[in-house]
N, C-alpha and C. Protein backbone atom coordinates (compact mmCIF):
# COMPACT_ATOMS: atom_id res chain seq x y z
N MET A 1 -20.24 -32.93 -31.66
CA MET A 1 -19.72 -31.64 -31.23
C MET A 1 -18.26 -31.82 -30.80
N HIS A 2 -17.44 -30.90 -31.19
CA HIS A 2 -16.01 -30.94 -30.85
C HIS A 2 -15.71 -29.74 -29.97
N TYR A 3 -15.01 -29.98 -28.87
CA TYR A 3 -14.72 -28.91 -27.91
C TYR A 3 -13.29 -28.43 -28.05
N GLU A 4 -13.12 -27.12 -27.96
CA GLU A 4 -11.78 -26.54 -27.95
C GLU A 4 -11.80 -25.25 -27.15
N VAL A 5 -10.64 -24.88 -26.66
CA VAL A 5 -10.52 -23.63 -25.92
C VAL A 5 -10.36 -22.52 -26.96
N THR A 6 -11.48 -21.93 -27.31
CA THR A 6 -11.51 -20.84 -28.29
C THR A 6 -11.17 -19.53 -27.57
N PRO A 7 -10.89 -18.48 -28.32
CA PRO A 7 -10.50 -17.21 -27.67
C PRO A 7 -11.47 -16.73 -26.60
N ASP A 8 -12.76 -16.99 -26.78
CA ASP A 8 -13.72 -16.54 -25.77
C ASP A 8 -13.66 -17.37 -24.49
N LEU A 9 -12.94 -18.49 -24.52
CA LEU A 9 -12.80 -19.34 -23.34
C LEU A 9 -11.42 -19.22 -22.69
N VAL A 10 -10.50 -18.52 -23.32
CA VAL A 10 -9.16 -18.35 -22.76
C VAL A 10 -9.26 -17.41 -21.56
N THR A 11 -8.80 -17.90 -20.42
CA THR A 11 -8.85 -17.08 -19.20
C THR A 11 -7.62 -16.22 -19.04
N GLY A 12 -6.52 -16.64 -19.67
CA GLY A 12 -5.26 -15.92 -19.48
C GLY A 12 -4.41 -16.50 -18.36
N ASN A 13 -4.96 -17.48 -17.65
CA ASN A 13 -4.20 -18.16 -16.60
C ASN A 13 -3.72 -19.49 -17.20
N ASN A 14 -2.40 -19.66 -17.27
CA ASN A 14 -1.84 -20.83 -17.95
C ASN A 14 -2.31 -22.15 -17.36
N LEU A 15 -2.36 -22.24 -16.04
CA LEU A 15 -2.79 -23.48 -15.39
C LEU A 15 -4.23 -23.80 -15.74
N ILE A 16 -5.11 -22.84 -15.55
CA ILE A 16 -6.54 -23.07 -15.83
C ILE A 16 -6.76 -23.41 -17.30
N ASP A 17 -6.15 -22.65 -18.20
CA ASP A 17 -6.35 -22.89 -19.63
C ASP A 17 -5.80 -24.25 -20.07
N SER A 18 -4.64 -24.64 -19.56
CA SER A 18 -4.08 -25.94 -19.96
C SER A 18 -4.95 -27.09 -19.44
N GLU A 19 -5.50 -26.93 -18.25
CA GLU A 19 -6.37 -27.98 -17.71
C GLU A 19 -7.68 -28.04 -18.49
N HIS A 20 -8.21 -26.92 -18.90
CA HIS A 20 -9.43 -26.94 -19.73
C HIS A 20 -9.15 -27.66 -21.04
N ARG A 21 -7.99 -27.41 -21.64
CA ARG A 21 -7.64 -28.08 -22.90
C ARG A 21 -7.58 -29.60 -22.71
N GLN A 22 -7.00 -30.05 -21.61
CA GLN A 22 -6.89 -31.48 -21.36
C GLN A 22 -8.27 -32.12 -21.13
N LEU A 23 -9.14 -31.41 -20.43
CA LEU A 23 -10.50 -31.92 -20.22
C LEU A 23 -11.24 -32.04 -21.55
N PHE A 24 -11.16 -31.01 -22.37
CA PHE A 24 -11.84 -31.04 -23.67
C PHE A 24 -11.26 -32.15 -24.55
N ALA A 25 -9.96 -32.34 -24.51
CA ALA A 25 -9.33 -33.38 -25.32
C ALA A 25 -9.87 -34.76 -24.95
N ALA A 26 -10.05 -35.01 -23.66
CA ALA A 26 -10.57 -36.31 -23.23
C ALA A 26 -11.99 -36.53 -23.73
N VAL A 27 -12.84 -35.51 -23.65
CA VAL A 27 -14.21 -35.63 -24.14
C VAL A 27 -14.19 -35.81 -25.65
N ASN A 28 -13.37 -35.05 -26.35
CA ASN A 28 -13.28 -35.18 -27.81
C ASN A 28 -12.82 -36.57 -28.21
N ASP A 29 -11.85 -37.12 -27.50
CA ASP A 29 -11.37 -38.47 -27.82
C ASP A 29 -12.49 -39.49 -27.70
N LEU A 30 -13.29 -39.37 -26.64
CA LEU A 30 -14.42 -40.29 -26.46
C LEU A 30 -15.44 -40.12 -27.59
N MET A 31 -15.80 -38.89 -27.88
CA MET A 31 -16.79 -38.64 -28.94
C MET A 31 -16.28 -39.14 -30.30
N ASP A 32 -15.00 -38.93 -30.57
CA ASP A 32 -14.42 -39.42 -31.82
C ASP A 32 -14.46 -40.94 -31.88
N ALA A 33 -14.13 -41.58 -30.76
CA ALA A 33 -14.18 -43.05 -30.71
C ALA A 33 -15.61 -43.54 -30.94
N CYS A 34 -16.58 -42.86 -30.36
CA CYS A 34 -17.98 -43.24 -30.55
C CYS A 34 -18.38 -43.12 -32.01
N SER A 35 -17.93 -42.07 -32.66
CA SER A 35 -18.30 -41.88 -34.07
C SER A 35 -17.68 -42.95 -34.96
N ARG A 36 -16.60 -43.57 -34.50
CA ARG A 36 -15.97 -44.67 -35.24
C ARG A 36 -16.50 -46.03 -34.79
N GLY A 37 -17.46 -46.03 -33.87
CA GLY A 37 -18.00 -47.29 -33.37
C GLY A 37 -17.11 -47.95 -32.33
N GLU A 38 -16.18 -47.17 -31.75
CA GLU A 38 -15.23 -47.72 -30.77
C GLU A 38 -15.43 -47.14 -29.37
N GLY A 39 -16.60 -46.57 -29.14
CA GLY A 39 -16.86 -45.89 -27.88
C GLY A 39 -16.81 -46.78 -26.66
N ARG A 40 -17.36 -47.99 -26.78
CA ARG A 40 -17.39 -48.90 -25.62
C ARG A 40 -15.98 -49.18 -25.09
N ALA A 41 -15.01 -49.25 -25.98
CA ALA A 41 -13.64 -49.54 -25.57
C ALA A 41 -12.99 -48.38 -24.81
N LYS A 42 -13.49 -47.17 -25.03
CA LYS A 42 -12.88 -45.98 -24.42
C LYS A 42 -13.64 -45.45 -23.21
N ILE A 43 -14.88 -45.88 -23.05
CA ILE A 43 -15.72 -45.26 -22.03
C ILE A 43 -15.13 -45.33 -20.64
N GLU A 44 -14.76 -46.50 -20.20
CA GLU A 44 -14.32 -46.65 -18.80
C GLU A 44 -13.12 -45.77 -18.49
N ASN A 45 -12.09 -45.84 -19.32
CA ASN A 45 -10.89 -45.02 -19.07
C ASN A 45 -11.20 -43.53 -19.15
N THR A 46 -11.99 -43.13 -20.12
CA THR A 46 -12.31 -41.71 -20.28
C THR A 46 -13.13 -41.19 -19.10
N VAL A 47 -14.12 -41.95 -18.69
CA VAL A 47 -14.97 -41.52 -17.58
C VAL A 47 -14.15 -41.39 -16.31
N ARG A 48 -13.32 -42.36 -16.04
CA ARG A 48 -12.48 -42.30 -14.83
C ARG A 48 -11.52 -41.11 -14.90
N PHE A 49 -10.94 -40.88 -16.09
CA PHE A 49 -10.07 -39.72 -16.26
C PHE A 49 -10.83 -38.43 -16.00
N LEU A 50 -12.02 -38.30 -16.59
CA LEU A 50 -12.79 -37.06 -16.42
C LEU A 50 -13.12 -36.79 -14.96
N ILE A 51 -13.55 -37.81 -14.25
CA ILE A 51 -13.89 -37.63 -12.83
C ILE A 51 -12.65 -37.22 -12.04
N ASP A 52 -11.55 -37.93 -12.25
CA ASP A 52 -10.31 -37.62 -11.52
C ASP A 52 -9.78 -36.24 -11.91
N TYR A 53 -9.80 -35.95 -13.20
CA TYR A 53 -9.21 -34.71 -13.66
C TYR A 53 -10.04 -33.50 -13.28
N VAL A 54 -11.36 -33.63 -13.32
CA VAL A 54 -12.21 -32.52 -12.88
C VAL A 54 -11.96 -32.25 -11.40
N ALA A 55 -11.83 -33.31 -10.61
CA ALA A 55 -11.54 -33.12 -9.18
C ALA A 55 -10.22 -32.38 -9.00
N LYS A 56 -9.19 -32.78 -9.75
CA LYS A 56 -7.88 -32.11 -9.66
C LYS A 56 -7.99 -30.66 -10.12
N HIS A 57 -8.66 -30.45 -11.24
CA HIS A 57 -8.80 -29.11 -11.80
C HIS A 57 -9.53 -28.19 -10.82
N PHE A 58 -10.61 -28.67 -10.24
CA PHE A 58 -11.36 -27.85 -9.30
C PHE A 58 -10.54 -27.57 -8.04
N ARG A 59 -9.77 -28.54 -7.57
CA ARG A 59 -8.87 -28.28 -6.43
C ARG A 59 -7.87 -27.18 -6.78
N ASP A 60 -7.30 -27.26 -7.98
CA ASP A 60 -6.34 -26.24 -8.40
C ASP A 60 -6.99 -24.86 -8.45
N GLU A 61 -8.19 -24.79 -9.02
CA GLU A 61 -8.90 -23.50 -9.08
C GLU A 61 -9.22 -23.00 -7.67
N GLU A 62 -9.69 -23.88 -6.82
CA GLU A 62 -10.05 -23.47 -5.46
C GLU A 62 -8.82 -23.02 -4.67
N ASP A 63 -7.68 -23.67 -4.89
CA ASP A 63 -6.43 -23.21 -4.26
C ASP A 63 -6.09 -21.79 -4.71
N LEU A 64 -6.23 -21.53 -6.02
CA LEU A 64 -5.99 -20.18 -6.54
C LEU A 64 -6.94 -19.17 -5.89
N GLN A 65 -8.18 -19.57 -5.73
CA GLN A 65 -9.17 -18.67 -5.15
C GLN A 65 -8.84 -18.35 -3.70
N VAL A 66 -8.47 -19.35 -2.94
CA VAL A 66 -8.14 -19.13 -1.52
C VAL A 66 -6.90 -18.26 -1.40
N ARG A 67 -5.86 -18.60 -2.17
CA ARG A 67 -4.60 -17.82 -2.10
C ARG A 67 -4.79 -16.37 -2.50
N SER A 68 -5.65 -16.13 -3.47
CA SER A 68 -5.85 -14.76 -3.96
C SER A 68 -7.00 -14.04 -3.26
N LYS A 69 -7.59 -14.72 -2.27
CA LYS A 69 -8.73 -14.15 -1.53
C LYS A 69 -9.87 -13.73 -2.49
N TYR A 70 -10.20 -14.63 -3.37
CA TYR A 70 -11.25 -14.39 -4.36
C TYR A 70 -12.59 -14.23 -3.66
N PRO A 71 -13.25 -13.10 -3.82
CA PRO A 71 -14.49 -12.85 -3.07
C PRO A 71 -15.65 -13.78 -3.45
N ALA A 72 -15.63 -14.33 -4.65
CA ALA A 72 -16.72 -15.21 -5.09
C ALA A 72 -16.41 -16.68 -4.82
N TYR A 73 -15.39 -16.94 -4.00
CA TYR A 73 -15.01 -18.33 -3.72
C TYR A 73 -16.18 -19.19 -3.24
N PRO A 74 -16.98 -18.74 -2.26
CA PRO A 74 -18.06 -19.62 -1.79
C PRO A 74 -19.03 -20.05 -2.90
N THR A 75 -19.40 -19.11 -3.76
CA THR A 75 -20.31 -19.43 -4.86
C THR A 75 -19.65 -20.36 -5.87
N HIS A 76 -18.39 -20.09 -6.17
CA HIS A 76 -17.64 -20.90 -7.12
C HIS A 76 -17.52 -22.34 -6.59
N LYS A 77 -17.26 -22.47 -5.30
CA LYS A 77 -17.12 -23.79 -4.67
C LYS A 77 -18.44 -24.55 -4.73
N VAL A 78 -19.55 -23.86 -4.50
CA VAL A 78 -20.87 -24.51 -4.59
C VAL A 78 -21.08 -25.05 -6.01
N PHE A 79 -20.72 -24.25 -7.02
CA PHE A 79 -20.83 -24.73 -8.40
C PHE A 79 -19.98 -25.98 -8.60
N HIS A 80 -18.72 -25.93 -8.15
CA HIS A 80 -17.82 -27.08 -8.31
C HIS A 80 -18.41 -28.33 -7.68
N ASP A 81 -18.92 -28.21 -6.47
CA ASP A 81 -19.48 -29.38 -5.78
C ASP A 81 -20.66 -29.95 -6.55
N GLY A 82 -21.54 -29.09 -7.03
CA GLY A 82 -22.69 -29.55 -7.81
C GLY A 82 -22.28 -30.15 -9.14
N TYR A 83 -21.27 -29.55 -9.76
CA TYR A 83 -20.81 -30.06 -11.05
C TYR A 83 -20.19 -31.44 -10.90
N ARG A 84 -19.42 -31.64 -9.84
CA ARG A 84 -18.84 -32.97 -9.60
C ARG A 84 -19.95 -34.02 -9.49
N ARG A 85 -21.05 -33.67 -8.82
CA ARG A 85 -22.17 -34.61 -8.70
C ARG A 85 -22.80 -34.87 -10.07
N GLN A 86 -23.01 -33.81 -10.85
CA GLN A 86 -23.58 -33.97 -12.20
C GLN A 86 -22.71 -34.88 -13.04
N LEU A 87 -21.41 -34.62 -13.03
CA LEU A 87 -20.48 -35.42 -13.83
C LEU A 87 -20.48 -36.86 -13.36
N SER A 88 -20.51 -37.07 -12.07
CA SER A 88 -20.53 -38.43 -11.52
C SER A 88 -21.79 -39.18 -11.97
N ASP A 89 -22.94 -38.51 -11.92
CA ASP A 89 -24.19 -39.14 -12.36
C ASP A 89 -24.13 -39.48 -13.84
N THR A 90 -23.62 -38.56 -14.64
CA THR A 90 -23.51 -38.79 -16.08
C THR A 90 -22.52 -39.91 -16.37
N ALA A 91 -21.42 -39.94 -15.64
CA ALA A 91 -20.42 -40.99 -15.82
C ALA A 91 -21.01 -42.36 -15.48
N ARG A 92 -21.76 -42.42 -14.40
CA ARG A 92 -22.38 -43.69 -13.99
C ARG A 92 -23.32 -44.18 -15.10
N GLU A 93 -24.09 -43.26 -15.67
CA GLU A 93 -24.99 -43.63 -16.77
C GLU A 93 -24.20 -44.15 -17.97
N LEU A 94 -23.13 -43.48 -18.32
CA LEU A 94 -22.30 -43.94 -19.45
C LEU A 94 -21.74 -45.34 -19.20
N LEU A 95 -21.27 -45.57 -17.98
CA LEU A 95 -20.69 -46.87 -17.66
C LEU A 95 -21.76 -47.97 -17.67
N GLN A 96 -22.95 -47.65 -17.21
CA GLN A 96 -24.03 -48.65 -17.15
C GLN A 96 -24.65 -48.91 -18.51
N GLN A 97 -24.89 -47.85 -19.28
CA GLN A 97 -25.64 -47.99 -20.53
C GLN A 97 -24.77 -48.05 -21.77
N GLY A 98 -23.52 -47.64 -21.64
CA GLY A 98 -22.68 -47.55 -22.82
C GLY A 98 -22.91 -46.25 -23.56
N PRO A 99 -22.31 -46.12 -24.74
CA PRO A 99 -22.39 -44.85 -25.49
C PRO A 99 -23.71 -44.70 -26.23
N THR A 100 -24.81 -44.68 -25.47
CA THR A 100 -26.12 -44.47 -26.10
C THR A 100 -26.24 -43.00 -26.51
N VAL A 101 -27.20 -42.73 -27.39
CA VAL A 101 -27.44 -41.36 -27.81
C VAL A 101 -27.79 -40.50 -26.59
N LYS A 102 -28.62 -41.04 -25.69
CA LYS A 102 -29.02 -40.29 -24.50
C LYS A 102 -27.82 -40.02 -23.60
N ALA A 103 -27.00 -41.04 -23.33
CA ALA A 103 -25.85 -40.86 -22.43
C ALA A 103 -24.85 -39.86 -23.01
N LEU A 104 -24.60 -39.94 -24.31
CA LEU A 104 -23.67 -38.99 -24.93
C LEU A 104 -24.27 -37.59 -24.98
N GLY A 105 -25.58 -37.50 -25.16
CA GLY A 105 -26.25 -36.20 -25.10
C GLY A 105 -26.14 -35.59 -23.71
N ASP A 106 -26.29 -36.44 -22.69
CA ASP A 106 -26.14 -35.95 -21.31
C ASP A 106 -24.71 -35.48 -21.06
N LEU A 107 -23.74 -36.20 -21.59
CA LEU A 107 -22.34 -35.78 -21.44
C LEU A 107 -22.13 -34.43 -22.13
N ASN A 108 -22.67 -34.27 -23.32
CA ASN A 108 -22.55 -32.98 -24.03
C ASN A 108 -23.21 -31.86 -23.23
N ARG A 109 -24.34 -32.14 -22.61
CA ARG A 109 -25.03 -31.13 -21.80
C ARG A 109 -24.16 -30.73 -20.60
N VAL A 110 -23.55 -31.72 -19.94
CA VAL A 110 -22.70 -31.44 -18.78
C VAL A 110 -21.46 -30.66 -19.21
N VAL A 111 -20.87 -31.01 -20.34
CA VAL A 111 -19.72 -30.25 -20.83
C VAL A 111 -20.15 -28.84 -21.21
N GLY A 112 -21.34 -28.69 -21.77
CA GLY A 112 -21.86 -27.36 -22.10
C GLY A 112 -21.98 -26.47 -20.87
N VAL A 113 -22.39 -27.06 -19.75
CA VAL A 113 -22.46 -26.30 -18.49
C VAL A 113 -21.07 -25.82 -18.12
N LEU A 114 -20.07 -26.68 -18.28
CA LEU A 114 -18.69 -26.31 -17.97
C LEU A 114 -18.21 -25.18 -18.89
N VAL A 115 -18.54 -25.27 -20.16
CA VAL A 115 -18.14 -24.22 -21.11
C VAL A 115 -18.72 -22.88 -20.69
N SER A 116 -20.00 -22.85 -20.31
CA SER A 116 -20.61 -21.61 -19.85
C SER A 116 -19.93 -21.08 -18.60
N HIS A 117 -19.58 -21.98 -17.71
CA HIS A 117 -18.90 -21.61 -16.46
C HIS A 117 -17.52 -21.01 -16.77
N ILE A 118 -16.81 -21.63 -17.71
CA ILE A 118 -15.48 -21.12 -18.10
C ILE A 118 -15.62 -19.71 -18.66
N ARG A 119 -16.59 -19.55 -19.55
CA ARG A 119 -16.78 -18.29 -20.27
C ARG A 119 -17.04 -17.12 -19.31
N THR A 120 -17.67 -17.39 -18.18
CA THR A 120 -18.00 -16.31 -17.26
C THR A 120 -17.16 -16.38 -15.97
N GLU A 121 -17.40 -17.39 -15.18
CA GLU A 121 -16.81 -17.45 -13.84
C GLU A 121 -15.30 -17.66 -13.84
N ASP A 122 -14.82 -18.58 -14.67
CA ASP A 122 -13.37 -18.83 -14.68
C ASP A 122 -12.60 -17.63 -15.21
N LYS A 123 -13.19 -16.93 -16.15
CA LYS A 123 -12.53 -15.72 -16.66
C LYS A 123 -12.47 -14.65 -15.57
N ARG A 124 -13.53 -14.52 -14.78
CA ARG A 124 -13.50 -13.58 -13.65
C ARG A 124 -12.44 -13.97 -12.64
N LEU A 125 -12.36 -15.26 -12.35
CA LEU A 125 -11.36 -15.75 -11.41
C LEU A 125 -9.95 -15.43 -11.92
N ALA A 126 -9.67 -15.74 -13.17
CA ALA A 126 -8.33 -15.51 -13.73
C ALA A 126 -7.99 -14.02 -13.70
N LYS A 127 -8.95 -13.17 -13.97
CA LYS A 127 -8.72 -11.72 -13.92
C LYS A 127 -8.38 -11.30 -12.49
N HIS A 128 -9.12 -11.81 -11.54
CA HIS A 128 -8.86 -11.49 -10.12
C HIS A 128 -7.46 -11.97 -9.72
N VAL A 129 -7.12 -13.20 -10.07
CA VAL A 129 -5.80 -13.75 -9.71
C VAL A 129 -4.70 -12.89 -10.32
N LYS A 130 -4.86 -12.49 -11.57
CA LYS A 130 -3.86 -11.64 -12.23
C LYS A 130 -3.74 -10.29 -11.51
N GLU A 131 -4.85 -9.71 -11.15
CA GLU A 131 -4.83 -8.43 -10.45
C GLU A 131 -4.16 -8.53 -9.08
N GLN A 132 -4.29 -9.69 -8.46
CA GLN A 132 -3.69 -9.90 -7.14
C GLN A 132 -2.22 -10.31 -7.24
N GLY A 133 -1.78 -10.62 -8.46
CA GLY A 133 -0.38 -11.02 -8.66
C GLY A 133 -0.05 -12.40 -8.12
N LYS A 134 -1.06 -13.29 -8.08
CA LYS A 134 -0.87 -14.66 -7.54
C LYS A 134 -0.66 -15.64 -8.66
């Protein structure tokens, strides 16, 4: 599976959209390396990047939410906290087991959760931020 920010995932907020593109690019690079039999060489750097970048991305989104007084901030924050745990668990599995079919399937499942979140919640956030002029 190849991930991209398709029109249905564009939030209209440049910061959020550019960070989503970078996250998808990192996952795509790992999946491409795995398909070439080079996944083990990329796993550690990719996993560390994903964990660090998701943390940065979520901080950026949460800052936008606080500044714009986003009413769904508490719920959005709960999702972010749970997602960080999911990603961390999946990353640990990838590092321990390598690019197994199960570990890569789990990564795809976790990315799929993020895609669904972008499609609904992040788009609502971006609309709210735009309306607030932040």
